[in-house]
Each structure stands twice: as C-alpha cells, then as structure tokens.
Amino acid sequence: FETTYKTWSAAKREYCCAHFQMGCKVMNFNCAVDLSDWQDKWSEKKKSWCCKTQGK
C-alpha cells in the first residue's frame, strides 16, 4: 500500500486521508500540544491536519 497511494491524485489522497486515514502524508503533529490555545499557536497545516484526522 505504501507505494500505491503515491500514484493517486492529490484529490484522492486528500479524500482518503480525511475519510479513511489512508494515503495521508506523514506528519508529526501532536494535536494535544497547545490544544487550549490552538487558534494562536498552531500553524494552518497543523490546524487542518488535526481537524481532518483527529477531529480537533
């Protein structure tokens, strides 16, 4: 599977990552860090990733 997702379109990877946690880019975001002040401290990428993958 690891190499299969690389052939997917960006839209397919984004959809599958958001809905099935498959094809996601590996990111090392810890969604628990600074959770109480996420609006000011998290980057846009971290906000998006934590929202899509962790529901935060």
N, C-alpha and C. Protein backbone atom coordinates (compact mmCIF):
# COMPACT_ATOMS: atom_id res chain seq x y z
N PHE A 1 0.82 -1.20 0.00
CA PHE A 1 0.00 0.00 0.00
C PHE A 1 0.86 1.25 0.00
N GLU A 2 1.95 1.25 0.68
CA GLU A 2 2.79 2.44 0.84
C GLU A 2 3.14 3.08 -0.50
N THR A 3 3.40 2.29 -1.52
CA THR A 3 3.74 2.88 -2.81
C THR A 3 2.51 3.13 -3.67
N THR A 4 1.43 2.44 -3.42
CA THR A 4 0.21 2.60 -4.21
C THR A 4 -0.36 4.00 -4.09
N TYR A 5 -0.42 4.56 -2.90
CA TYR A 5 -1.04 5.87 -2.73
C TYR A 5 -0.28 6.96 -3.47
N LYS A 6 0.99 6.75 -3.75
CA LYS A 6 1.78 7.75 -4.46
C LYS A 6 1.30 7.95 -5.89
N THR A 7 0.58 6.99 -6.44
CA THR A 7 0.06 7.12 -7.80
C THR A 7 -1.31 7.80 -7.82
N TRP A 8 -1.91 8.01 -6.65
CA TRP A 8 -3.22 8.64 -6.57
C TRP A 8 -3.12 10.14 -6.85
N SER A 9 -4.20 10.72 -7.32
CA SER A 9 -4.25 12.17 -7.50
C SER A 9 -4.27 12.83 -6.12
N ALA A 10 -3.93 14.11 -6.09
CA ALA A 10 -3.94 14.84 -4.82
C ALA A 10 -5.34 14.85 -4.21
N ALA A 11 -6.36 14.98 -5.06
CA ALA A 11 -7.74 15.00 -4.56
C ALA A 11 -8.11 13.66 -3.92
N LYS A 12 -7.69 12.56 -4.54
CA LYS A 12 -8.00 11.24 -3.99
C LYS A 12 -7.27 11.03 -2.67
N ARG A 13 -5.99 11.43 -2.60
CA ARG A 13 -5.23 11.30 -1.35
C ARG A 13 -5.89 12.10 -0.24
N GLU A 14 -6.30 13.33 -0.55
CA GLU A 14 -6.91 14.19 0.46
C GLU A 14 -8.23 13.59 0.95
N TYR A 15 -9.04 13.10 0.03
CA TYR A 15 -10.32 12.49 0.40
C TYR A 15 -10.10 11.25 1.26
N CYS A 16 -9.23 10.37 0.80
CA CYS A 16 -8.99 9.12 1.53
C CYS A 16 -8.35 9.37 2.89
N CYS A 17 -7.49 10.37 2.96
CA CYS A 17 -6.88 10.71 4.24
C CYS A 17 -7.95 11.22 5.21
N ALA A 18 -8.79 12.13 4.73
CA ALA A 18 -9.81 12.74 5.59
C ALA A 18 -10.86 11.73 6.05
N HIS A 19 -11.21 10.78 5.17
CA HIS A 19 -12.31 9.87 5.49
C HIS A 19 -11.87 8.50 6.00
N PHE A 20 -10.69 8.05 5.60
CA PHE A 20 -10.26 6.69 5.94
C PHE A 20 -8.87 6.63 6.57
N GLN A 21 -8.20 7.79 6.74
CA GLN A 21 -6.83 7.86 7.25
C GLN A 21 -5.89 6.99 6.42
N MET A 22 -6.10 6.99 5.11
CA MET A 22 -5.24 6.26 4.18
C MET A 22 -4.70 7.25 3.16
N GLY A 23 -3.43 7.08 2.78
CA GLY A 23 -2.83 7.95 1.78
C GLY A 23 -2.39 9.29 2.33
N CYS A 24 -2.42 9.43 3.64
CA CYS A 24 -2.04 10.70 4.26
C CYS A 24 -0.53 10.91 4.18
N LYS A 25 -0.16 12.15 4.03
CA LYS A 25 1.26 12.47 4.15
C LYS A 25 1.62 12.26 5.62
N VAL A 26 2.80 11.77 5.84
CA VAL A 26 3.24 11.55 7.22
C VAL A 26 3.60 12.90 7.83
N MET A 27 2.92 13.23 8.88
CA MET A 27 3.19 14.48 9.59
C MET A 27 3.34 14.13 11.05
N ASN A 28 4.18 14.87 11.71
CA ASN A 28 4.44 14.60 13.11
C ASN A 28 3.77 15.63 14.01
N PHE A 29 2.51 15.90 13.75
CA PHE A 29 1.78 16.84 14.59
C PHE A 29 1.22 16.12 15.80
N ASN A 30 1.44 16.70 16.95
CA ASN A 30 0.84 16.21 18.18
C ASN A 30 -0.31 17.15 18.50
N CYS A 31 -1.51 16.68 18.28
CA CYS A 31 -2.69 17.54 18.42
C CYS A 31 -3.03 17.85 19.87
N ALA A 32 -2.36 17.24 20.81
CA ALA A 32 -2.59 17.54 22.22
C ALA A 32 -1.76 18.73 22.69
N VAL A 33 -0.67 19.02 22.00
CA VAL A 33 0.22 20.11 22.39
C VAL A 33 -0.45 21.45 22.06
N ASP A 34 -0.52 22.32 23.05
CA ASP A 34 -1.12 23.66 22.91
C ASP A 34 -2.59 23.61 22.49
N LEU A 35 -3.28 22.54 22.81
CA LEU A 35 -4.68 22.40 22.42
C LEU A 35 -5.54 23.52 23.00
N SER A 36 -5.24 23.96 24.22
CA SER A 36 -6.06 25.00 24.85
C SER A 36 -5.90 26.36 24.17
N ASP A 37 -4.82 26.54 23.40
CA ASP A 37 -4.55 27.81 22.71
C ASP A 37 -4.27 27.57 21.23
N TRP A 38 -4.97 26.60 20.64
CA TRP A 38 -4.70 26.16 19.27
C TRP A 38 -4.87 27.26 18.24
N GLN A 39 -5.81 28.16 18.45
CA GLN A 39 -6.07 29.19 17.44
C GLN A 39 -4.88 30.11 17.24
N ASP A 40 -4.14 30.38 18.30
CA ASP A 40 -2.99 31.27 18.21
C ASP A 40 -1.66 30.56 17.98
N LYS A 41 -1.55 29.32 18.45
CA LYS A 41 -0.25 28.66 18.43
C LYS A 41 -0.04 27.66 17.31
N TRP A 42 -1.11 27.10 16.74
CA TRP A 42 -0.95 26.09 15.69
C TRP A 42 -0.80 26.73 14.32
N SER A 43 0.03 26.12 13.49
CA SER A 43 0.14 26.55 12.09
C SER A 43 -1.13 26.15 11.34
N GLU A 44 -1.33 26.72 10.17
CA GLU A 44 -2.51 26.36 9.37
C GLU A 44 -2.47 24.88 8.99
N LYS A 45 -1.28 24.36 8.70
CA LYS A 45 -1.16 22.94 8.35
C LYS A 45 -1.54 22.06 9.52
N LYS A 46 -1.10 22.44 10.71
CA LYS A 46 -1.44 21.64 11.90
C LYS A 46 -2.93 21.72 12.18
N LYS A 47 -3.52 22.90 12.05
CA LYS A 47 -4.96 23.05 12.26
C LYS A 47 -5.74 22.14 11.32
N SER A 48 -5.37 22.17 10.06
CA SER A 48 -6.05 21.37 9.06
C SER A 48 -5.89 19.88 9.34
N TRP A 49 -4.66 19.46 9.62
CA TRP A 49 -4.38 18.04 9.85
C TRP A 49 -5.11 17.54 11.09
N CYS A 50 -5.04 18.30 12.18
CA CYS A 50 -5.69 17.86 13.42
C CYS A 50 -7.21 17.84 13.27
N CYS A 51 -7.75 18.77 12.51
CA CYS A 51 -9.20 18.79 12.27
C CYS A 51 -9.62 17.57 11.45
N LYS A 52 -8.90 17.30 10.37
CA LYS A 52 -9.27 16.21 9.47
C LYS A 52 -9.03 14.83 10.07
N THR A 53 -7.92 14.68 10.78
CA THR A 53 -7.55 13.34 11.23
C THR A 53 -7.91 13.04 12.67
N GLN A 54 -8.03 14.08 13.49
CA GLN A 54 -8.28 13.86 14.91
C GLN A 54 -9.59 14.49 15.39
N GLY A 55 -10.25 15.23 14.51
CA GLY A 55 -11.49 15.89 14.90
C GLY A 55 -11.29 17.01 15.90
N LYS A 56 -10.09 17.62 15.87
CA LYS A 56 -9.78 18.71 16.83
C LYS A 56 -9.56 19.99 16.08
